[in-house]
C-alpha atoms as a PDB file:
ATOM      1  CA  MET A   1      15.370   0.591   2.366  1.00  0.00           C
ATOM      2  CA  LEU A   2      13.385   3.795   2.638  1.00  0.00           C
ATOM      3  CA  LYS A   3      13.908   7.017   4.459  1.00  0.00           C
ATOM      4  CA  ILE A   4      11.664  10.000   4.763  1.00  0.00           C
ATOM      5  CA  LYS A   5      13.294  13.071   6.352  1.00  0.00           C
ATOM      6  CA  ASN A   6      11.360  16.242   7.389  1.00  0.00           C
ATOM      7  CA  ILE A   7       8.731  16.063   4.349  1.00  0.00           C
ATOM      8  CA  ASN A   8       6.401  18.930   4.020  1.00  0.00           C
ATOM      9  CA  THR A   9       3.453  18.646   1.696  1.00  0.00           C
ATOM     10  CA  TYR A  10       0.684  20.922   0.804  1.00  0.00           C
ATOM     11  CA  TYR A  11      -2.529  20.875  -1.179  1.00  0.00           C
ATOM     12  CA  GLY A  12      -2.841  24.642  -2.166  1.00  0.00           C
ATOM     13  CA  LYS A  13      -2.404  26.414   1.096  1.00  0.00           C
ATOM     14  CA  VAL A  14      -3.406  23.461   3.413  1.00  0.00           C
ATOM     15  CA  HIS A  15      -0.207  21.992   5.135  1.00  0.00           C
ATOM     16  CA  ALA A  16      -1.132  18.142   4.827  1.00  0.00           C
ATOM     17  CA  LEU A  17       2.213  16.474   5.987  1.00  0.00           C
ATOM     18  CA  LYS A  18       4.057  18.679   8.585  1.00  0.00           C
ATOM     19  CA  ASN A  19       8.011  17.707   8.992  1.00  0.00           C
ATOM     20  CA  VAL A  20       7.221  14.020   8.759  1.00  0.00           C
ATOM     21  CA  SER A  21      10.156  11.491   9.122  1.00  0.00           C
ATOM     22  CA  LEU A  22       9.906   7.780   9.159  1.00  0.00           C
ATOM     23  CA  HIS A  23      11.754   4.834   7.775  1.00  0.00           C
ATOM     24  CA  LEU A  24      11.420   1.351   6.523  1.00  0.00           C
ATOM     25  CA  ASN A  25      13.845  -1.473   6.719  1.00  0.00           C
ATOM     26  CA  ALA A  26      14.155  -4.220   3.709  1.00  0.00           C
ATOM     27  CA  GLY A  27      11.461  -6.907   4.199  1.00  0.00           C
ATOM     28  CA  GLU A  28       9.751  -5.283   6.877  1.00  0.00           C
ATOM     29  CA  ILE A  29       5.893  -4.593   6.919  1.00  0.00           C
ATOM     30  CA  VAL A  30       5.272  -1.038   8.535  1.00  0.00           C
ATOM     31  CA  THR A  31       1.750   0.415   9.374  1.00  0.00           C
ATOM     32  CA  LEU A  32       0.410   3.753   9.245  1.00  0.00           C
ATOM     33  CA  LEU A  33      -2.499   4.508  11.722  1.00  0.00           C
ATOM     34  CA  GLY A  34      -4.590   7.423  12.323  1.00  0.00           C
ATOM     35  CA  ALA A  35      -8.096   9.224  11.724  1.00  0.00           C
ATOM     36  CA  ASN A  36      -9.421  10.179   8.570  1.00  0.00           C
ATOM     37  CA  GLY A  37      -7.351  13.200   7.438  1.00  0.00           C
ATOM     38  CA  ALA A  38      -4.332  12.653   9.516  1.00  0.00           C
ATOM     39  CA  GLY A  39      -1.958  12.395   6.554  1.00  0.00           C
ATOM     40  CA  LYS A  40      -1.469   8.741   5.966  1.00  0.00           C
ATOM     41  CA  THR A  41      -2.825   8.761   1.993  1.00  0.00           C
ATOM     42  CA  THR A  42      -0.903  11.586   1.336  1.00  0.00           C
ATOM     43  CA  ILE A  43       2.312  10.241   2.431  1.00  0.00           C
ATOM     44  CA  LEU A  44       1.577   7.381   0.069  1.00  0.00           C
ATOM     45  CA  ASN A  45       0.936   9.890  -2.675  1.00  0.00           C
ATOM     46  CA  THR A  46       4.147  11.732  -1.939  1.00  0.00           C
ATOM     47  CA  LEU A  47       6.290   8.687  -2.105  1.00  0.00           C
ATOM     48  CA  SER A  48       4.555   7.682  -5.370  1.00  0.00           C
ATOM     49  CA  ALA A  49       5.138  11.358  -6.864  1.00  0.00           C
ATOM     50  CA  LEU A  50       1.378  11.620  -7.324  1.00  0.00           C
ATOM     51  CA  THR A  51       1.469  14.678  -4.726  1.00  0.00           C
ATOM     52  CA  PRO A  52       4.687  16.662  -4.985  1.00  0.00           C
ATOM     53  CA  ALA A  53       6.934  17.172  -1.620  1.00  0.00           C
ATOM     54  CA  GLY A  54       6.950  20.780  -0.913  1.00  0.00           C
ATOM     55  CA  SER A  55      10.353  20.179   1.168  1.00  0.00           C
ATOM     56  CA  GLY A  56      12.129  17.688   2.869  1.00  0.00           C
ATOM     57  CA  GLU A  57      14.143  14.342   1.456  1.00  0.00           C
ATOM     58  CA  ILE A  58      12.843  10.758   0.352  1.00  0.00           C
ATOM     59  CA  LEU A  59      15.785   8.325  -0.004  1.00  0.00           C
ATOM     60  CA  PHE A  60      15.037   5.004  -1.425  1.00  0.00           C
ATOM     61  CA  GLU A  61      18.280   2.582  -1.128  1.00  0.00           C
ATOM     62  CA  GLY A  62      20.219   5.693  -0.006  1.00  0.00           C
ATOM     63  CA  ALA A  63      19.261   7.998  -3.425  1.00  0.00           C
ATOM     64  CA  ARG A  64      17.084  10.939  -3.368  1.00  0.00           C
ATOM     65  CA  ILE A  65      13.576  10.235  -5.285  1.00  0.00           C
ATOM     66  CA  GLU A  66      11.595  13.177  -4.107  1.00  0.00           C
ATOM     67  CA  ALA A  67      12.027  15.120  -7.446  1.00  0.00           C
ATOM     68  CA  LEU A  68      11.307  12.088  -9.657  1.00  0.00           C
ATOM     69  CA  PRO A  69       8.264  11.614 -11.845  1.00  0.00           C
ATOM     70  CA  PRO A  70       5.879   8.716 -11.047  1.00  0.00           C
ATOM     71  CA  ASP A  71       6.908   6.479 -13.797  1.00  0.00           C
ATOM     72  CA  ARG A  72      10.398   6.420 -12.441  1.00  0.00           C
ATOM     73  CA  ILE A  73       9.321   5.754  -9.029  1.00  0.00           C
ATOM     74  CA  VAL A  74       7.716   2.914 -10.429  1.00  0.00           C
ATOM     75  CA  LYS A  75      10.727   1.761 -12.234  1.00  0.00           C
ATOM     76  CA  LEU A  76      12.758   1.937  -9.050  1.00  0.00           C
ATOM     77  CA  GLY A  77      10.329  -0.690  -7.606  1.00  0.00           C
ATOM     78  CA  ILE A  78       7.886   1.426  -5.592  1.00  0.00           C
ATOM     79  CA  CYS A  79       4.028   0.464  -6.551  1.00  0.00           C
ATOM     80  CA  GLN A  80       1.112   1.884  -4.917  1.00  0.00           C
ATOM     81  CA  VAL A  81      -2.355   0.017  -4.545  1.00  0.00           C
ATOM     82  CA  PRO A  82      -4.731   3.035  -4.051  1.00  0.00           C
ATOM     83  CA  GLU A  83      -7.535   3.618  -2.025  1.00  0.00           C
ATOM     84  CA  GLY A  84     -10.845   2.461  -3.725  1.00  0.00           C
ATOM     85  CA  ARG A  85      -8.937  -0.049  -6.068  1.00  0.00           C
ATOM     86  CA  GLN A  86      -9.298   2.271  -9.163  1.00  0.00           C
ATOM     87  CA  VAL A  87      -9.172  -0.753 -11.660  1.00  0.00           C
ATOM     88  CA  PHE A  88      -9.899   0.031 -15.285  1.00  0.00           C
ATOM     89  CA  LYS A  89     -13.522  -1.103 -15.352  1.00  0.00           C
ATOM     90  CA  PRO A  90     -14.364  -1.578 -19.086  1.00  0.00           C
ATOM     91  CA  LEU A  91     -11.272  -3.897 -19.479  1.00  0.00           C
ATOM     92  CA  SER A  92     -10.726  -7.568 -18.734  1.00  0.00           C
ATOM     93  CA  VAL A  93      -9.005  -8.859 -15.624  1.00  0.00           C
ATOM     94  CA  GLU A  94      -6.288  -9.973 -17.659  1.00  0.00           C
ATOM     95  CA  ASP A  95      -5.830  -6.462 -19.427  1.00  0.00           C
ATOM     96  CA  ASN A  96      -5.791  -4.769 -16.024  1.00  0.00           C
ATOM     97  CA  LEU A  97      -2.918  -7.136 -14.796  1.00  0.00           C
ATOM     98  CA  GLU A  98      -1.111  -6.623 -18.148  1.00  0.00           C
ATOM     99  CA  LEU A  99      -1.302  -2.845 -17.751  1.00  0.00           C
ATOM    100  CA  GLY A 100       0.619  -3.311 -14.527  1.00  0.00           C
ATOM    101  CA  ALA A 101       3.519  -4.384 -16.461  1.00  0.00           C
ATOM    102  CA  TYR A 102       3.285  -1.525 -18.901  1.00  0.00           C
ATOM    103  CA  LEU A 103       6.769  -0.045 -18.260  1.00  0.00           C
ATOM    104  CA  ARG A 104       8.136  -3.684 -18.724  1.00  0.00           C
ATOM    105  CA  TYR A 105       6.694  -3.945 -21.773  1.00  0.00           C
ATOM    106  CA  ARG A 106       8.064  -0.516 -23.158  1.00  0.00           C
ATOM    107  CA  SER A 107      11.558  -1.665 -21.730  1.00  0.00           C
ATOM    108  CA  ARG A 108      11.204  -4.587 -24.389  1.00  0.00           C
ATOM    109  CA  GLU A 109      11.720  -7.057 -21.331  1.00  0.00           C
ATOM    110  CA  GLY A 110      11.067 -10.655 -22.375  1.00  0.00           C
ATOM    111  CA  ARG A 111       7.177 -11.382 -22.351  1.00  0.00           C
ATOM    112  CA  GLY A 112       8.050 -14.810 -20.988  1.00  0.00           C
ATOM    113  CA  ALA A 113       9.097 -13.200 -17.791  1.00  0.00           C
ATOM    114  CA  ILE A 114       5.952 -11.148 -17.587  1.00  0.00           C
ATOM    115  CA  LYS A 115       3.835 -14.157 -18.525  1.00  0.00           C
ATOM    116  CA  LYS A 116       5.548 -16.106 -15.408  1.00  0.00           C
ATOM    117  CA  ASP A 117       4.287 -13.020 -13.234  1.00  0.00           C
ATOM    118  CA  LEU A 118       0.940 -13.049 -14.398  1.00  0.00           C
ATOM    119  CA  GLU A 119       0.802 -17.036 -13.569  1.00  0.00           C
ATOM    120  CA  LYS A 120       2.159 -16.141 -10.169  1.00  0.00           C
ATOM    121  CA  VAL A 121      -0.688 -13.430  -9.694  1.00  0.00           C
ATOM    122  CA  TYR A 122      -3.490 -15.860 -10.562  1.00  0.00           C
ATOM    123  CA  GLN A 123      -1.805 -18.702  -8.104  1.00  0.00           C
ATOM    124  CA  LEU A 124      -2.077 -15.817  -5.407  1.00  0.00           C
ATOM    125  CA  PHE A 125      -5.426 -15.063  -6.472  1.00  0.00           C
ATOM    126  CA  PRO A 126      -7.140 -18.060  -8.104  1.00  0.00           C
ATOM    127  CA  ARG A 127     -10.618 -16.273  -8.434  1.00  0.00           C
ATOM    128  CA  LEU A 128      -8.803 -13.673 -10.732  1.00  0.00           C
ATOM    129  CA  LEU A 129      -7.895 -16.646 -12.976  1.00  0.00           C
ATOM    130  CA  GLU A 130     -11.330 -17.848 -13.092  1.00  0.00           C
ATOM    131  CA  ARG A 131     -12.592 -14.390 -14.112  1.00  0.00           C
ATOM    132  CA  ARG A 132      -9.433 -13.506 -16.552  1.00  0.00           C
ATOM    133  CA  GLY A 133     -11.695 -12.601 -19.237  1.00  0.00           C
ATOM    134  CA  GLN A 134     -14.485 -10.651 -17.268  1.00  0.00           C
ATOM    135  CA  MET A 135     -14.822  -7.071 -17.169  1.00  0.00           C
ATOM    136  CA  ALA A 136     -13.149  -5.688 -14.074  1.00  0.00           C
ATOM    137  CA  GLY A 137     -16.397  -3.489 -13.555  1.00  0.00           C
ATOM    138  CA  THR A 138     -18.450  -6.644 -12.964  1.00  0.00           C
ATOM    139  CA  LEU A 139     -16.212  -8.054 -10.323  1.00  0.00           C
ATOM    140  CA  SER A 140     -17.249  -7.880  -6.641  1.00  0.00           C
ATOM    141  CA  GLY A 141     -15.380  -5.320  -4.110  1.00  0.00           C
ATOM    142  CA  GLY A 142     -13.221  -8.037  -2.882  1.00  0.00           C
ATOM    143  CA  GLU A 143     -12.038  -9.216  -6.542  1.00  0.00           C
ATOM    144  CA  GLN A 144     -11.275  -5.743  -7.486  1.00  0.00           C
ATOM    145  CA  GLN A 145      -9.111  -5.291  -4.489  1.00  0.00           C
ATOM    146  CA  MET A 146      -7.282  -8.531  -5.635  1.00  0.00           C
ATOM    147  CA  LEU A 147      -7.048  -7.141  -8.986  1.00  0.00           C
ATOM    148  CA  ALA A 148      -5.654  -3.692  -7.685  1.00  0.00           C
ATOM    149  CA  ILE A 149      -2.996  -5.885  -5.592  1.00  0.00           C
ATOM    150  CA  GLY A 150      -2.353  -8.238  -8.405  1.00  0.00           C
ATOM    151  CA  ARG A 151      -1.888  -5.306 -10.995  1.00  0.00           C
ATOM    152  CA  ALA A 152       0.805  -3.580  -8.782  1.00  0.00           C
ATOM    153  CA  LEU A 153       2.511  -6.875  -8.323  1.00  0.00           C
ATOM    154  CA  MET A 154       2.964  -7.294 -12.061  1.00  0.00           C
ATOM    155  CA  ALA A 155       5.680  -4.393 -11.923  1.00  0.00           C
ATOM    156  CA  ARG A 156       7.486  -6.440  -9.573  1.00  0.00           C
ATOM    157  CA  PRO A 157       7.582  -3.809  -6.802  1.00  0.00           C
ATOM    158  CA  ARG A 158      10.226  -4.258  -4.064  1.00  0.00           C
ATOM    159  CA  LEU A 159       8.301  -1.518  -1.770  1.00  0.00           C
ATOM    160  CA  LEU A 160       4.502  -2.083  -2.170  1.00  0.00           C
ATOM    161  CA  LEU A 161       2.217   0.598  -0.737  1.00  0.00           C
ATOM    162  CA  LEU A 162      -1.185  -0.404   0.306  1.00  0.00           C
ATOM    163  CA  ASP A 163      -3.990   2.206   0.956  1.00  0.00           C
ATOM    164  CA  GLU A 164      -6.898   0.836   2.846  1.00  0.00           C
ATOM    165  CA  PRO A 165      -6.877  -2.743   1.278  1.00  0.00           C
ATOM    166  CA  SER A 166      -9.622  -4.151   3.626  1.00  0.00           C
ATOM    167  CA  MET A 167     -12.157  -1.288   3.353  1.00  0.00           C
ATOM    168  CA  GLY A 168     -15.629  -2.255   2.594  1.00  0.00           C
ATOM    169  CA  LEU A 169     -14.745  -5.811   2.242  1.00  0.00           C
ATOM    170  CA  ALA A 170     -16.244  -9.043   4.053  1.00  0.00           C
ATOM    171  CA  PRO A 171     -14.109 -10.449   7.025  1.00  0.00           C
ATOM    172  CA  LEU A 172     -13.119 -13.727   4.948  1.00  0.00           C
ATOM    173  CA  ILE A 173     -12.096 -11.631   2.019  1.00  0.00           C
ATOM    174  CA  VAL A 174      -9.969  -9.376   4.366  1.00  0.00           C
ATOM    175  CA  GLN A 175      -8.542 -12.534   5.941  1.00  0.00           C
ATOM    176  CA  GLU A 176      -7.317 -13.557   2.318  1.00  0.00           C
ATOM    177  CA  ILE A 177      -5.920 -10.335   1.432  1.00  0.00           C
ATOM    178  CA  PHE A 178      -3.894 -10.039   4.728  1.00  0.00           C
ATOM    179  CA  ARG A 179      -2.769 -13.850   4.002  1.00  0.00           C
ATOM    180  CA  VAL A 180      -1.432 -12.543   0.501  1.00  0.00           C
ATOM    181  CA  ILE A 181       0.511  -9.547   2.059  1.00  0.00           C
ATOM    182  CA  GLU A 182       2.148 -11.915   4.383  1.00  0.00           C
ATOM    183  CA  THR A 183       2.769 -14.419   1.543  1.00  0.00           C
ATOM    184  CA  LEU A 184       4.695 -11.500  -0.321  1.00  0.00           C
ATOM    185  CA  ARG A 185       6.905 -10.660   2.550  1.00  0.00           C
ATOM    186  CA  GLN A 186       7.826 -14.396   3.388  1.00  0.00           C
ATOM    187  CA  GLU A 187       8.277 -15.662  -0.290  1.00  0.00           C
ATOM    188  CA  SER A 188       9.373 -12.659  -1.977  1.00  0.00           C
ATOM    189  CA  GLY A 189      10.793 -10.280   0.593  1.00  0.00           C
ATOM    190  CA  THR A 190       8.642  -7.507  -0.374  1.00  0.00           C
ATOM    191  CA  THR A 191       8.776  -4.577   1.723  1.00  0.00           C
ATOM    192  CA  VAL A 192       5.156  -3.288   2.657  1.00  0.00           C
ATOM    193  CA  LEU A 193       3.988   0.194   3.930  1.00  0.00           C
ATOM    194  CA  LEU A 194       0.319  -0.169   4.937  1.00  0.00           C
ATOM    195  CA  VAL A 195      -2.307   1.998   5.567  1.00  0.00           C
ATOM    196  CA  GLU A 196      -5.258   0.242   7.323  1.00  0.00           C
ATOM    197  CA  GLN A 197      -8.258   1.149   9.026  1.00  0.00           C
ATOM    198  CA  ASN A 198      -8.532  -2.428  10.849  1.00  0.00           C
ATOM    199  CA  ALA A 199      -5.837  -1.313  13.269  1.00  0.00           C
ATOM    200  CA  LYS A 200      -5.834  -4.569  15.376  1.00  0.00           C
ATOM    201  CA  ALA A 201      -5.301  -6.753  12.236  1.00  0.00           C
ATOM    202  CA  ALA A 202      -2.707  -4.272  10.879  1.00  0.00           C
ATOM    203  CA  LEU A 203      -0.702  -4.136  14.209  1.00  0.00           C
ATOM    204  CA  LYS A 204      -0.690  -8.005  14.369  1.00  0.00           C
ATOM    205  CA  MET A 205       0.942  -8.459  11.141  1.00  0.00           C
ATOM    206  CA  ALA A 206       3.255  -5.489  10.979  1.00  0.00           C
ATOM    207  CA  ASP A 207       6.786  -5.167  12.332  1.00  0.00           C
ATOM    208  CA  ARG A 208       6.386  -1.460  13.431  1.00  0.00           C
ATOM    209  CA  GLY A 209       3.898   1.136  13.150  1.00  0.00           C
ATOM    210  CA  TYR A 210       3.457   5.055  13.014  1.00  0.00           C
ATOM    211  CA  VAL A 211       0.515   6.786  14.457  1.00  0.00           C
ATOM    212  CA  MET A 212      -0.387  10.108  12.725  1.00  0.00           C
ATOM    213  CA  GLU A 213      -2.567  13.090  13.550  1.00  0.00           C
ATOM    214  CA  THR A 214      -3.145  16.172  11.577  1.00  0.00           C
ATOM    215  CA  GLY A 215      -0.160  15.597   9.174  1.00  0.00           C
ATOM    216  CA  LYS A 216       2.167  14.649  12.182  1.00  0.00           C
ATOM    217  CA  VAL A 217       3.988  11.631  13.313  1.00  0.00           C
ATOM    218  CA  ILE A 218       2.872  11.651  17.059  1.00  0.00           C
ATOM    219  CA  LEU A 219       4.052   7.922  18.066  1.00  0.00           C
ATOM    220  CA  GLU A 220       5.971   5.156  16.634  1.00  0.00           C
ATOM    221  CA  GLY A 221       7.145   1.865  17.893  1.00  0.00           C
ATOM    222  CA  VAL A 222       7.220  -1.609  17.490  1.00  0.00           C
ATOM    223  CA  ALA A 223       3.785  -2.991  16.577  1.00  0.00           C
ATOM    224  CA  SER A 224       3.345  -5.466  19.478  1.00  0.00           C
ATOM    225  CA  GLU A 225       4.073  -2.585  21.772  1.00  0.00           C
ATOM    226  CA  LEU A 226       1.649  -0.202  20.062  1.00  0.00           C
ATOM    227  CA  LEU A 227      -0.959  -2.941  20.364  1.00  0.00           C
ATOM    228  CA  GLU A 228      -0.732  -2.686  24.155  1.00  0.00           C
ATOM    229  CA  ASN A 229      -0.168   1.135  24.162  1.00  0.00           C
ATOM    230  CA  LYS A 230      -3.037   2.856  26.398  1.00  0.00           C
ATOM    231  CA  GLU A 231      -2.943   5.961  24.032  1.00  0.00           C
ATOM    232  CA  VAL A 232      -3.490   3.965  20.924  1.00  0.00           C
ATOM    233  CA  GLN A 233      -6.203   1.715  22.626  1.00  0.00           C
ATOM    234  CA  ARG A 234      -8.187   4.998  23.616  1.00  0.00           C
ATOM    235  CA  ALA A 235      -7.597   6.479  19.967  1.00  0.00           C
ATOM    236  CA  TYR A 236      -8.853   3.005  18.505  1.00  0.00           C
ATOM    237  CA  LEU A 237     -11.215   1.811  21.046  1.00  0.00           C
ATOM    238  CA  GLY A 238     -13.696   4.786  21.117  1.00  0.00           C
ATOM    239  CA  LYS A 239     -17.462   3.762  20.771  1.00  0.00           C
ATOM    240  CA  GLU A 240     -17.606   4.343  16.999  1.00  0.00           C
ATOM    241  CA  LYS A 241     -14.277   2.466  16.575  1.00  0.00           C
ATOM    242  CA  LYS A 242     -14.642  -0.627  18.986  1.00  0.00           C
ATOM    243  CA  GLU A 243     -15.862  -2.656  16.288  1.00  0.00           C
ATOM    244  CA  ILE A 244     -12.835  -2.218  13.803  1.00  0.00           C
ATOM    245  CA  TRP A 245     -10.311  -2.916  16.656  1.00  0.00           C
ATOM    246  CA  GLU A 246     -11.951  -5.831  17.836  1.00  0.00           C
ATOM    247  CA  ARG A 247     -12.215  -7.782  14.397  1.00  0.00           C
END
């Protein structure tokens, strides 16, 4: 479904991604691992056209997309759930969800189809239904994460980019978020590229993974093999990271 070939991305003079190549097959969950500053979020932002690629190719279903603007990327079926949720706090839960379908409204798609998708989001996240008229800024962190994922789902993504969905959340909420990710893959065939600090949980759910360091992919493989890899364990089982790994 997706191929990234020798992508280089820059922030001014800072070389953030260095000849990065990776791929995703349709229906896969693939996770990106690495320390802060390794380039994981930059990959998602480059795919979403929020940060332009300096060179290289991005192919989605065989067509090059690296020069397209963000709205065209969303129309193709690639949607990002950003780190930090970034919900529209003064707006209601339901208004936030409907904004996720903004391009669909503009294309004059039947409102009935959008309403059905709204109902599906409420089925995935019953808490959002309970709080549909509540201002998004008054939700808990976990509820805001559910809202951010639900907002992306309203665009009907075929490739979902998730940036640190468990960050700062209680373990029970993390389990619920991960359950929904797996449900999306099983029931809708949604392909997922997951950036996640909870390395063990991510690898247990993913099919494959890539390990990044200072803007480069240094290791890739089947998730179960990465889980047992001594180098990966050393990187994530340092004293400060042991708790995250053992969750």
